[in-house]
Amino acid sequence: MLQLKIVSPEKIEFDGAVESVLVPGTMGQFEILNDHAPIISTLCKGFVEYGTKEGKVRLDILGGFVEVQKNMVSLCVEVKE
């Protein structure tokens, strides 16, 4: 399992355990799974999708950053309203 934290300027959008995270990288969409290599990347307009025990959740964003390190995924994003 991955620990995901999504932060926007307004609030913490999500903080919890997930199975996977799909993000809109500037070089293309990519998926983060358990034991992913460390990475820092910019994000473009699109959607973040993550899978929890309850199902998949989709969050529309305008851009941001993602950092992955030791099964910890941190996203700093601007959420589309």
PDB file of N, CA and C in Angstrom:
ATOM      1  N   MET A   1       0.844  -1.198   0.000  1.00  0.00           N
ATOM      2  CA  MET A   1       0.000   0.000   0.000  1.00  0.00           C
ATOM      3  C   MET A   1       0.880   1.249   0.000  1.00  0.00           C
ATOM      4  N   LEU A   2       0.322   2.283  -0.601  1.00  0.00           N
ATOM      5  CA  LEU A   2       0.974   3.582  -0.630  1.00  0.00           C
ATOM      6  C   LEU A   2       0.288   4.517   0.359  1.00  0.00           C
ATOM      7  N   GLN A   3       1.039   5.455   0.899  1.00  0.00           N
ATOM      8  CA  GLN A   3       0.459   6.509   1.729  1.00  0.00           C
ATOM      9  C   GLN A   3       0.397   7.756   0.859  1.00  0.00           C
ATOM     10  N   LEU A   4      -0.812   8.265   0.612  1.00  0.00           N
ATOM     11  CA  LEU A   4      -1.024   9.398  -0.284  1.00  0.00           C
ATOM     12  C   LEU A   4      -1.502  10.612   0.502  1.00  0.00           C
ATOM     13  N   LYS A   5      -0.862  11.762   0.213  1.00  0.00           N
ATOM     14  CA  LYS A   5      -1.318  13.023   0.791  1.00  0.00           C
ATOM     15  C   LYS A   5      -1.445  14.029  -0.346  1.00  0.00           C
ATOM     16  N   ILE A   6      -2.656  14.559  -0.516  1.00  0.00           N
ATOM     17  CA  ILE A   6      -2.927  15.554  -1.549  1.00  0.00           C
ATOM     18  C   ILE A   6      -3.267  16.867  -0.854  1.00  0.00           C
ATOM     19  N   VAL A   7      -2.458  17.893  -1.155  1.00  0.00           N
ATOM     20  CA  VAL A   7      -2.635  19.203  -0.533  1.00  0.00           C
ATOM     21  C   VAL A   7      -2.907  20.240  -1.613  1.00  0.00           C
ATOM     22  N   SER A   8      -3.912  21.085  -1.380  1.00  0.00           N
ATOM     23  CA  SER A   8      -4.193  22.224  -2.256  1.00  0.00           C
ATOM     24  C   SER A   8      -4.003  23.488  -1.416  1.00  0.00           C
ATOM     25  N   PRO A   9      -3.985  24.669  -2.040  1.00  0.00           N
ATOM     26  CA  PRO A   9      -3.853  25.894  -1.243  1.00  0.00           C
ATOM     27  C   PRO A   9      -4.979  26.071  -0.218  1.00  0.00           C
ATOM     28  N   GLU A  10      -6.130  25.487  -0.475  1.00  0.00           N
ATOM     29  CA  GLU A  10      -7.280  25.657   0.406  1.00  0.00           C
ATOM     30  C   GLU A  10      -7.307  24.675   1.585  1.00  0.00           C
ATOM     31  N   LYS A  11      -6.880  23.412   1.331  1.00  0.00           N
ATOM     32  CA  LYS A  11      -7.034  22.399   2.377  1.00  0.00           C
ATOM     33  C   LYS A  11      -6.275  21.124   2.015  1.00  0.00           C
ATOM     34  N   ILE A  12      -6.281  20.178   2.930  1.00  0.00           N
ATOM     35  CA  ILE A  12      -5.783  18.833   2.641  1.00  0.00           C
ATOM     36  C   ILE A  12      -6.934  18.094   1.978  1.00  0.00           C
ATOM     37  N   GLU A  13      -6.744  17.737   0.708  1.00  0.00           N
ATOM     38  CA  GLU A  13      -7.799  17.090  -0.065  1.00  0.00           C
ATOM     39  C   GLU A  13      -7.959  15.620   0.309  1.00  0.00           C
ATOM     40  N   PHE A  14      -6.837  14.947   0.612  1.00  0.00           N
ATOM     41  CA  PHE A  14      -6.880  13.525   0.966  1.00  0.00           C
ATOM     42  C   PHE A  14      -5.607  13.168   1.714  1.00  0.00           C
ATOM     43  N   ASP A  15      -5.721  12.290   2.691  1.00  0.00           N
ATOM     44  CA  ASP A  15      -4.570  11.770   3.414  1.00  0.00           C
ATOM     45  C   ASP A  15      -4.927  10.363   3.876  1.00  0.00           C
ATOM     46  N   GLY A  16      -4.336   9.355   3.216  1.00  0.00           N
ATOM     47  CA  GLY A  16      -4.665   7.987   3.592  1.00  0.00           C
ATOM     48  C   GLY A  16      -3.958   6.964   2.724  1.00  0.00           C
ATOM     49  N   ALA A  17      -4.291   5.709   2.943  1.00  0.00           N
ATOM     50  CA  ALA A  17      -3.680   4.590   2.222  1.00  0.00           C
ATOM     51  C   ALA A  17      -4.418   4.343   0.911  1.00  0.00           C
ATOM     52  N   VAL A  18      -3.657   4.089  -0.147  1.00  0.00           N
ATOM     53  CA  VAL A  18      -4.219   3.800  -1.464  1.00  0.00           C
ATOM     54  C   VAL A  18      -3.445   2.654  -2.105  1.00  0.00           C
ATOM     55  N   GLU A  19      -4.041   2.063  -3.121  1.00  0.00           N
ATOM     56  CA  GLU A  19      -3.387   0.974  -3.845  1.00  0.00           C
ATOM     57  C   GLU A  19      -2.564   1.485  -5.019  1.00  0.00           C
ATOM     58  N   SER A  20      -3.021   2.588  -5.647  1.00  0.00           N
ATOM     59  CA  SER A  20      -2.321   3.158  -6.798  1.00  0.00           C
ATOM     60  C   SER A  20      -2.731   4.614  -6.967  1.00  0.00           C
ATOM     61  N   VAL A  21      -1.889   5.363  -7.719  1.00  0.00           N
ATOM     62  CA  VAL A  21      -2.184   6.762  -8.013  1.00  0.00           C
ATOM     63  C   VAL A  21      -1.841   7.010  -9.480  1.00  0.00           C
ATOM     64  N   LEU A  22      -2.770   7.599 -10.219  1.00  0.00           N
ATOM     65  CA  LEU A  22      -2.565   7.958 -11.613  1.00  0.00           C
ATOM     66  C   LEU A  22      -2.519   9.482 -11.689  1.00  0.00           C
ATOM     67  N   VAL A  23      -1.432  10.037 -12.272  1.00  0.00           N
ATOM     68  CA  VAL A  23      -1.257  11.486 -12.311  1.00  0.00           C
ATOM     69  C   VAL A  23      -0.961  11.968 -13.728  1.00  0.00           C
ATOM     70  N   PRO A  24      -1.323  13.236 -14.038  1.00  0.00           N
ATOM     71  CA  PRO A  24      -1.060  13.806 -15.367  1.00  0.00           C
ATOM     72  C   PRO A  24       0.297  14.512 -15.409  1.00  0.00           C
ATOM     73  N   GLY A  25       1.363  13.774 -15.604  1.00  0.00           N
ATOM     74  CA  GLY A  25       2.693  14.375 -15.706  1.00  0.00           C
ATOM     75  C   GLY A  25       2.813  15.228 -16.952  1.00  0.00           C
ATOM     76  N   THR A  26       3.741  16.177 -16.948  1.00  0.00           N
ATOM     77  CA  THR A  26       3.893  17.050 -18.112  1.00  0.00           C
ATOM     78  C   THR A  26       4.413  16.296 -19.332  1.00  0.00           C
ATOM     79  N   MET A  27       5.052  15.157 -19.127  1.00  0.00           N
ATOM     80  CA  MET A  27       5.534  14.329 -20.237  1.00  0.00           C
ATOM     81  C   MET A  27       4.556  13.187 -20.544  1.00  0.00           C
ATOM     82  N   GLY A  28       3.407  13.195 -19.891  1.00  0.00           N
ATOM     83  CA  GLY A  28       2.404  12.160 -20.098  1.00  0.00           C
ATOM     84  C   GLY A  28       1.912  11.597 -18.784  1.00  0.00           C
ATOM     85  N   GLN A  29       0.768  10.963 -18.838  1.00  0.00           N
ATOM     86  CA  GLN A  29       0.151  10.369 -17.655  1.00  0.00           C
ATOM     87  C   GLN A  29       0.976   9.177 -17.188  1.00  0.00           C
ATOM     88  N   PHE A  30       1.130   9.021 -15.851  1.00  0.00           N
ATOM     89  CA  PHE A  30       1.814   7.844 -15.341  1.00  0.00           C
ATOM     90  C   PHE A  30       1.191   7.379 -14.031  1.00  0.00           C
ATOM     91  N   GLU A  31       1.393   6.094 -13.760  1.00  0.00           N
ATOM     92  CA  GLU A  31       0.802   5.461 -12.579  1.00  0.00           C
ATOM     93  C   GLU A  31       1.882   5.163 -11.555  1.00  0.00           C
ATOM     94  N   ILE A  32       1.552   5.394 -10.303  1.00  0.00           N
ATOM     95  CA  ILE A  32       2.458   5.115  -9.191  1.00  0.00           C
ATOM     96  C   ILE A  32       1.900   3.916  -8.432  1.00  0.00           C
ATOM     97  N   LEU A  33       2.714   2.885  -8.315  1.00  0.00           N
ATOM     98  CA  LEU A  33       2.339   1.670  -7.596  1.00  0.00           C
ATOM     99  C   LEU A  33       3.286   1.461  -6.429  1.00  0.00           C
ATOM    100  N   ASN A  34       3.016   0.470  -5.619  1.00  0.00           N
ATOM    101  CA  ASN A  34       3.865   0.141  -4.473  1.00  0.00           C
ATOM    102  C   ASN A  34       5.316  -0.058  -4.916  1.00  0.00           C
ATOM    103  N   ASP A  35       6.261   0.430  -4.128  1.00  0.00           N
ATOM    104  CA  ASP A  35       7.701   0.328  -4.384  1.00  0.00           C
ATOM    105  C   ASP A  35       8.150   1.070  -5.638  1.00  0.00           C
ATOM    106  N   HIS A  36       7.442   2.134  -6.012  1.00  0.00           N
ATOM    107  CA  HIS A  36       7.834   2.970  -7.150  1.00  0.00           C
ATOM    108  C   HIS A  36       9.176   3.637  -6.850  1.00  0.00           C
ATOM    109  N   ALA A  37       9.979   3.846  -7.863  1.00  0.00           N
ATOM    110  CA  ALA A  37      11.262   4.537  -7.708  1.00  0.00           C
ATOM    111  C   ALA A  37      11.013   5.976  -7.242  1.00  0.00           C
ATOM    112  N   PRO A  38      11.932   6.550  -6.474  1.00  0.00           N
ATOM    113  CA  PRO A  38      11.787   7.950  -6.052  1.00  0.00           C
ATOM    114  C   PRO A  38      11.704   8.867  -7.276  1.00  0.00           C
ATOM    115  N   ILE A  39      10.820   9.852  -7.205  1.00  0.00           N
ATOM    116  CA  ILE A  39      10.629  10.772  -8.330  1.00  0.00           C
ATOM    117  C   ILE A  39      10.036  12.082  -7.828  1.00  0.00           C
ATOM    118  N   ILE A  40      10.390  13.157  -8.512  1.00  0.00           N
ATOM    119  CA  ILE A  40       9.731  14.454  -8.349  1.00  0.00           C
ATOM    120  C   ILE A  40       9.362  14.891  -9.752  1.00  0.00           C
ATOM    121  N   SER A  41       8.096  15.290  -9.958  1.00  0.00           N
ATOM    122  CA  SER A  41       7.638  15.655 -11.290  1.00  0.00           C
ATOM    123  C   SER A  41       6.607  16.775 -11.213  1.00  0.00           C
ATOM    124  N   THR A  42       6.564  17.581 -12.263  1.00  0.00           N
ATOM    125  CA  THR A  42       5.497  18.574 -12.379  1.00  0.00           C
ATOM    126  C   THR A  42       4.265  17.894 -12.962  1.00  0.00           C
ATOM    127  N   LEU A  43       3.110  18.451 -12.622  1.00  0.00           N
ATOM    128  CA  LEU A  43       1.840  17.934 -13.130  1.00  0.00           C
ATOM    129  C   LEU A  43       1.158  19.011 -13.943  1.00  0.00           C
ATOM    130  N   CYS A  44       0.463  18.611 -14.988  1.00  0.00           N
ATOM    131  CA  CYS A  44      -0.272  19.555 -15.822  1.00  0.00           C
ATOM    132  C   CYS A  44      -1.769  19.385 -15.579  1.00  0.00           C
ATOM    133  N   LYS A  45      -2.558  20.159 -16.305  1.00  0.00           N
ATOM    134  CA  LYS A  45      -4.012  20.083 -16.186  1.00  0.00           C
ATOM    135  C   LYS A  45      -4.478  18.684 -16.562  1.00  0.00           C
ATOM    136  N   GLY A  46      -5.367  18.142 -15.769  1.00  0.00           N
ATOM    137  CA  GLY A  46      -5.888  16.800 -16.002  1.00  0.00           C
ATOM    138  C   GLY A  46      -6.570  16.286 -14.756  1.00  0.00           C
ATOM    139  N   PHE A  47      -6.389  14.997 -14.473  1.00  0.00           N
ATOM    140  CA  PHE A  47      -7.010  14.432 -13.280  1.00  0.00           C
ATOM    141  C   PHE A  47      -6.037  13.508 -12.556  1.00  0.00           C
ATOM    142  N   VAL A  48      -6.221  13.462 -11.250  1.00  0.00           N
ATOM    143  CA  VAL A  48      -5.528  12.503 -10.390  1.00  0.00           C
ATOM    144  C   VAL A  48      -6.559  11.451 -10.034  1.00  0.00           C
ATOM    145  N   GLU A  49      -6.193  10.194 -10.187  1.00  0.00           N
ATOM    146  CA  GLU A  49      -7.100   9.104  -9.845  1.00  0.00           C
ATOM    147  C   GLU A  49      -6.375   8.178  -8.887  1.00  0.00           C
ATOM    148  N   TYR A  50      -7.029   7.852  -7.781  1.00  0.00           N
ATOM    149  CA  TYR A  50      -6.416   6.946  -6.814  1.00  0.00           C
ATOM    150  C   TYR A  50      -7.435   5.914  -6.353  1.00  0.00           C
ATOM    151  N   GLY A  51      -6.931   4.719  -6.066  1.00  0.00           N
ATOM    152  CA  GLY A  51      -7.786   3.613  -5.668  1.00  0.00           C
ATOM    153  C   GLY A  51      -7.709   3.353  -4.182  1.00  0.00           C
ATOM    154  N   THR A  52      -8.860   3.411  -3.527  1.00  0.00           N
ATOM    155  CA  THR A  52      -8.962   3.084  -2.103  1.00  0.00           C
ATOM    156  C   THR A  52      -9.750   1.783  -1.975  1.00  0.00           C
ATOM    157  N   LYS A  53      -9.925   1.326  -0.755  1.00  0.00           N
ATOM    158  CA  LYS A  53     -10.718   0.109  -0.524  1.00  0.00           C
ATOM    159  C   LYS A  53     -12.165   0.299  -0.973  1.00  0.00           C
ATOM    160  N   GLU A  54     -12.647   1.552  -0.905  1.00  0.00           N
ATOM    161  CA  GLU A  54     -14.030   1.854  -1.280  1.00  0.00           C
ATOM    162  C   GLU A  54     -14.209   1.988  -2.793  1.00  0.00           C
ATOM    163  N   GLY A  55     -13.128   2.143  -3.529  1.00  0.00           N
ATOM    164  CA  GLY A  55     -13.214   2.312  -4.976  1.00  0.00           C
ATOM    165  C   GLY A  55     -12.270   3.391  -5.468  1.00  0.00           C
ATOM    166  N   LYS A  56     -12.449   3.777  -6.721  1.00  0.00           N
ATOM    167  CA  LYS A  56     -11.581   4.796  -7.328  1.00  0.00           C
ATOM    168  C   LYS A  56     -12.159   6.186  -7.112  1.00  0.00           C
ATOM    169  N   VAL A  57     -11.245   7.141  -6.886  1.00  0.00           N
ATOM    170  CA  VAL A  57     -11.625   8.538  -6.691  1.00  0.00           C
ATOM    171  C   VAL A  57     -10.892   9.351  -7.751  1.00  0.00           C
ATOM    172  N   ARG A  58     -11.597  10.310  -8.342  1.00  0.00           N
ATOM    173  CA  ARG A  58     -11.004  11.149  -9.391  1.00  0.00           C
ATOM    174  C   ARG A  58     -11.077  12.610  -8.954  1.00  0.00           C
ATOM    175  N   LEU A  59      -9.950  13.310  -9.089  1.00  0.00           N
ATOM    176  CA  LEU A  59      -9.845  14.706  -8.686  1.00  0.00           C
ATOM    177  C   LEU A  59      -9.300  15.504  -9.869  1.00  0.00           C
ATOM    178  N   ASP A  60     -10.077  16.477 -10.380  1.00  0.00           N
ATOM    179  CA  ASP A  60      -9.633  17.316 -11.493  1.00  0.00           C
ATOM    180  C   ASP A  60      -8.691  18.395 -10.969  1.00  0.00           C
ATOM    181  N   ILE A  61      -7.534  18.550 -11.628  1.00  0.00           N
ATOM    182  CA  ILE A  61      -6.551  19.533 -11.190  1.00  0.00           C
ATOM    183  C   ILE A  61      -6.143  20.438 -12.354  1.00  0.00           C
ATOM    184  N   LEU A  62      -5.588  21.594 -12.005  1.00  0.00           N
ATOM    185  CA  LEU A  62      -5.076  22.541 -12.997  1.00  0.00           C
ATOM    186  C   LEU A  62      -3.564  22.428 -13.140  1.00  0.00           C
ATOM    187  N   GLY A  63      -2.907  21.750 -12.195  1.00  0.00           N
ATOM    188  CA  GLY A  63      -1.458  21.569 -12.226  1.00  0.00           C
ATOM    189  C   GLY A  63      -0.923  21.372 -10.828  1.00  0.00           C
ATOM    190  N   GLY A  64       0.399  21.149 -10.744  1.00  0.00           N
ATOM    191  CA  GLY A  64       1.018  20.969  -9.434  1.00  0.00           C
ATOM    192  C   GLY A  64       2.296  20.169  -9.516  1.00  0.00           C
ATOM    193  N   PHE A  65       2.623  19.503  -8.408  1.00  0.00           N
ATOM    194  CA  PHE A  65       3.846  18.708  -8.280  1.00  0.00           C
ATOM    195  C   PHE A  65       3.535  17.396  -7.583  1.00  0.00           C
ATOM    196  N   VAL A  66       4.346  16.377  -7.865  1.00  0.00           N
ATOM    197  CA  VAL A  66       4.243  15.097  -7.163  1.00  0.00           C
ATOM    198  C   VAL A  66       5.637  14.679  -6.723  1.00  0.00           C
ATOM    199  N   GLU A  67       5.721  14.110  -5.530  1.00  0.00           N
ATOM    200  CA  GLU A  67       6.968  13.537  -5.028  1.00  0.00           C
ATOM    201  C   GLU A  67       6.665  12.142  -4.505  1.00  0.00           C
ATOM    202  N   VAL A  68       7.487  11.173  -4.898  1.00  0.00           N
ATOM    203  CA  VAL A  68       7.343   9.797  -4.428  1.00  0.00           C
ATOM    204  C   VAL A  68       8.645   9.400  -3.752  1.00  0.00           C
ATOM    205  N   GLN A  69       8.531   8.862  -2.540  1.00  0.00           N
ATOM    206  CA  GLN A  69       9.701   8.411  -1.810  1.00  0.00           C
ATOM    207  C   GLN A  69       9.275   7.367  -0.781  1.00  0.00           C
ATOM    208  N   LYS A  70       9.814   6.161  -0.910  1.00  0.00           N
ATOM    209  CA  LYS A  70       9.564   5.065   0.045  1.00  0.00           C
ATOM    210  C   LYS A  70       8.072   4.844   0.311  1.00  0.00           C
ATOM    211  N   ASN A  71       7.299   4.657  -0.757  1.00  0.00           N
ATOM    212  CA  ASN A  71       5.855   4.398  -0.696  1.00  0.00           C
ATOM    213  C   ASN A  71       5.038   5.538  -0.091  1.00  0.00           C
ATOM    214  N   MET A  72       5.628   6.724  -0.041  1.00  0.00           N
ATOM    215  CA  MET A  72       4.925   7.935   0.371  1.00  0.00           C
ATOM    216  C   MET A  72       4.766   8.818  -0.861  1.00  0.00           C
ATOM    217  N   VAL A  73       3.541   9.158  -1.211  1.00  0.00           N
ATOM    218  CA  VAL A  73       3.258   9.980  -2.385  1.00  0.00           C
ATOM    219  C   VAL A  73       2.664  11.307  -1.885  1.00  0.00           C
ATOM    220  N   SER A  74       3.329  12.405  -2.238  1.00  0.00           N
ATOM    221  CA  SER A  74       2.871  13.733  -1.845  1.00  0.00           C
ATOM    222  C   SER A  74       2.530  14.532  -3.085  1.00  0.00           C
ATOM    223  N   LEU A  75       1.312  15.073  -3.126  1.00  0.00           N
ATOM    224  CA  LEU A  75       0.890  15.905  -4.236  1.00  0.00           C
ATOM    225  C   LEU A  75       0.536  17.291  -3.712  1.00  0.00           C
ATOM    226  N   CYS A  76       1.052  18.298  -4.368  1.00  0.00           N
ATOM    227  CA  CYS A  76       0.689  19.691  -4.107  1.00  0.00           C
ATOM    228  C   CYS A  76       0.022  20.174  -5.386  1.00  0.00           C
ATOM    229  N   VAL A  77      -1.273  20.404  -5.347  1.00  0.00           N
ATOM    230  CA  VAL A  77      -2.022  20.657  -6.584  1.00  0.00           C
ATOM    231  C   VAL A  77      -2.960  21.844  -6.436  1.00  0.00           C
ATOM    232  N   GLU A  78      -3.327  22.415  -7.589  1.00  0.00           N
ATOM    233  CA  GLU A  78      -4.379  23.396  -7.659  1.00  0.00           C
ATOM    234  C   GLU A  78      -5.611  22.680  -8.196  1.00  0.00           C
ATOM    235  N   VAL A  79      -6.655  22.628  -7.409  1.00  0.00           N
ATOM    236  CA  VAL A  79      -7.861  21.875  -7.763  1.00  0.00           C
ATOM    237  C   VAL A  79      -8.769  22.703  -8.666  1.00  0.00           C
ATOM    238  N   LYS A  80      -9.276  22.055  -9.715  1.00  0.00           N
ATOM    239  CA  LYS A  80     -10.229  22.702 -10.626  1.00  0.00           C
ATOM    240  C   LYS A  80     -11.584  22.762  -9.936  1.00  0.00           C
ATOM    241  N   GLU A  81     -12.206  23.933  -9.968  1.00  0.00           N
ATOM    242  CA  GLU A  81     -13.510  24.076  -9.306  1.00  0.00           C
ATOM    243  C   GLU A  81     -14.647  24.001 -10.275  1.00  0.00           C
TER     244      GLU A  81
END
